[in-house]
Amino acid sequence: MRGRWALMLVAAAATWPGQQALGWGATGHEWATGIAIEKLPDDIPGFVRDPPCCPSWP
């Protein structure tokens, strides 16, 4: 009987409608990419910082 309750609990938890996960969206990814580009070391080639390569960078 105890195993049956555990199985029912696991089945209910697996099928329970959860809340929608909130993602970063395009703006969040552009923001994080811009910060990452700004933090690159100076010995990285210049084409990596080229705006056509990284359109979200100012």
C-alpha atoms as a PDB file:
ATOM      1  CA  MET A   1       0.000   0.000   0.000  1.00  0.00           C
ATOM      2  CA  ARG A   2       2.828   2.368   0.853  1.00  0.00           C
ATOM      3  CA  GLY A   3       4.459   1.808  -2.547  1.00  0.00           C
ATOM      4  CA  ARG A   4       1.185   2.553  -4.291  1.00  0.00           C
ATOM      5  CA  TRP A   5       0.932   5.946  -2.559  1.00  0.00           C
ATOM      6  CA  ALA A   6       4.507   6.751  -3.483  1.00  0.00           C
ATOM      7  CA  LEU A   7       3.823   5.811  -7.096  1.00  0.00           C
ATOM      8  CA  MET A   8       0.680   7.953  -7.165  1.00  0.00           C
ATOM      9  CA  LEU A   9       2.595  10.881  -5.655  1.00  0.00           C
ATOM     10  CA  VAL A  10       5.365  10.604  -8.252  1.00  0.00           C
ATOM     11  CA  ALA A  11       2.810  10.334 -11.069  1.00  0.00           C
ATOM     12  CA  ALA A  12       0.917  13.379  -9.796  1.00  0.00           C
ATOM     13  CA  ALA A  13       4.123  15.415  -9.458  1.00  0.00           C
ATOM     14  CA  ALA A  14       5.234  14.440 -12.966  1.00  0.00           C
ATOM     15  CA  THR A  15       1.940  15.459 -14.549  1.00  0.00           C
ATOM     16  CA  TRP A  16       1.223  18.555 -12.423  1.00  0.00           C
ATOM     17  CA  PRO A  17       1.151  21.670 -14.619  1.00  0.00           C
ATOM     18  CA  GLY A  18       4.128  23.724 -13.539  1.00  0.00           C
ATOM     19  CA  GLN A  19       4.671  27.420 -13.886  1.00  0.00           C
ATOM     20  CA  GLN A  20       6.128  28.653 -17.111  1.00  0.00           C
ATOM     21  CA  ALA A  21       9.859  29.203 -16.878  1.00  0.00           C
ATOM     22  CA  LEU A  22      10.863  32.764 -17.564  1.00  0.00           C
ATOM     23  CA  GLY A  23      13.771  33.036 -19.963  1.00  0.00           C
ATOM     24  CA  TRP A  24      16.118  35.868 -20.711  1.00  0.00           C
ATOM     25  CA  GLY A  25      14.705  36.626 -24.121  1.00  0.00           C
ATOM     26  CA  ALA A  26      16.676  38.303 -26.885  1.00  0.00           C
ATOM     27  CA  THR A  27      17.373  41.417 -24.828  1.00  0.00           C
ATOM     28  CA  GLY A  28      18.951  39.467 -21.982  1.00  0.00           C
ATOM     29  CA  HIS A  29      21.191  37.536 -24.366  1.00  0.00           C
ATOM     30  CA  GLU A  30      22.268  40.733 -26.130  1.00  0.00           C
ATOM     31  CA  TRP A  31      23.043  42.339 -22.765  1.00  0.00           C
ATOM     32  CA  ALA A  32      25.099  39.358 -21.577  1.00  0.00           C
ATOM     33  CA  THR A  33      26.950  39.152 -24.905  1.00  0.00           C
ATOM     34  CA  GLY A  34      27.801  42.860 -24.773  1.00  0.00           C
ATOM     35  CA  ILE A  35      29.239  42.524 -21.270  1.00  0.00           C
ATOM     36  CA  ALA A  36      31.211  39.441 -22.289  1.00  0.00           C
ATOM     37  CA  ILE A  37      32.704  41.293 -25.276  1.00  0.00           C
ATOM     38  CA  GLU A  38      33.698  44.217 -23.066  1.00  0.00           C
ATOM     39  CA  LYS A  39      35.484  41.823 -20.677  1.00  0.00           C
ATOM     40  CA  LEU A  40      37.584  40.113 -23.379  1.00  0.00           C
ATOM     41  CA  PRO A  41      41.332  40.367 -22.833  1.00  0.00           C
ATOM     42  CA  ASP A  42      43.338  42.789 -24.979  1.00  0.00           C
ATOM     43  CA  ASP A  43      45.211  40.015 -26.785  1.00  0.00           C
ATOM     44  CA  ILE A  44      42.029  38.787 -28.515  1.00  0.00           C
ATOM     45  CA  PRO A  45      42.107  39.682 -32.247  1.00  0.00           C
ATOM     46  CA  GLY A  46      40.195  42.805 -33.263  1.00  0.00           C
ATOM     47  CA  PHE A  47      37.817  41.003 -35.627  1.00  0.00           C
ATOM     48  CA  VAL A  48      36.200  39.362 -32.588  1.00  0.00           C
ATOM     49  CA  ARG A  49      35.073  42.798 -31.390  1.00  0.00           C
ATOM     50  CA  ASP A  50      33.975  43.855 -34.875  1.00  0.00           C
ATOM     51  CA  PRO A  51      30.327  45.082 -34.748  1.00  0.00           C
ATOM     52  CA  PRO A  52      29.225  43.008 -37.784  1.00  0.00           C
ATOM     53  CA  CYS A  53      30.522  39.965 -35.925  1.00  0.00           C
ATOM     54  CA  CYS A  54      28.667  40.992 -32.763  1.00  0.00           C
ATOM     55  CA  PRO A  55      25.552  42.986 -33.673  1.00  0.00           C
ATOM     56  CA  SER A  56      24.453  43.485 -30.074  1.00  0.00           C
ATOM     57  CA  TRP A  57      27.645  45.271 -29.086  1.00  0.00           C
ATOM     58  CA  PRO A  58      27.470  49.088 -29.186  1.00  0.00           C
END
